[in-house]
């Protein structure tokens, strides 16, 4: 009568391949070993057991700890370290988002999921944007500046026609009301340095005030 809860084929499918050997060992009585033969046999530890035994080579050692450090599996009374196979995988994978700070999470949530080609748009290199800026600058300079093929200012930022050091605000008594020019260091240069400039301001419209006209436009 088979007293196993599973049949022999089911036990073999589960990994118990030594079932028939265990049955045979149970039926055959152990031989009597003489004292003279006993030293030639191997130790009981080295002998392969004749009954199914679990594989303990892959078990994770338990570590008793009061506080569980990050990355370990906490259980009551201690922790279980990460398996060796999982350690190799964790070294290959990038760190998760949860390892980053709150600022990184907030910036990640503000990004578009599928932005498309809009992220590659650069206004300074777009042809449409360049045309718009050129049209805007031409419209703004048409009534306020007087362009010329020849130089209007000399190399020191002085008007060539009358030798006057005129500020770009068109006030003859102004000693300089702009930030220092990056090119010449003068406080009388507006958006562009006056040195060797080929144009000058024709008029300036003050918001809520009068229009200041350049008297030196010839």
Foldseek 3Di string as FASTA:
>chain_A
DDPDPDDPVVCVVVPFPLPVVVVVPVVDDDDDDDPVCVVVDDDPVPDDDSGDDDDPPQDFDWDFDDDDDPQWDDDVRGTTHDGPVVVVVVVPDDDDPVVDDPVSVVVVVPDDPDPDCPVVDDLVPDPVNVVVVVVVVCVVCVQWKDFDPFFQAAQLLAGPVPRQNAALQLDSPDQADAAQDPPNGGRRDDPDGSHRHGMHTQWDDDVVDHIGGHPPDD
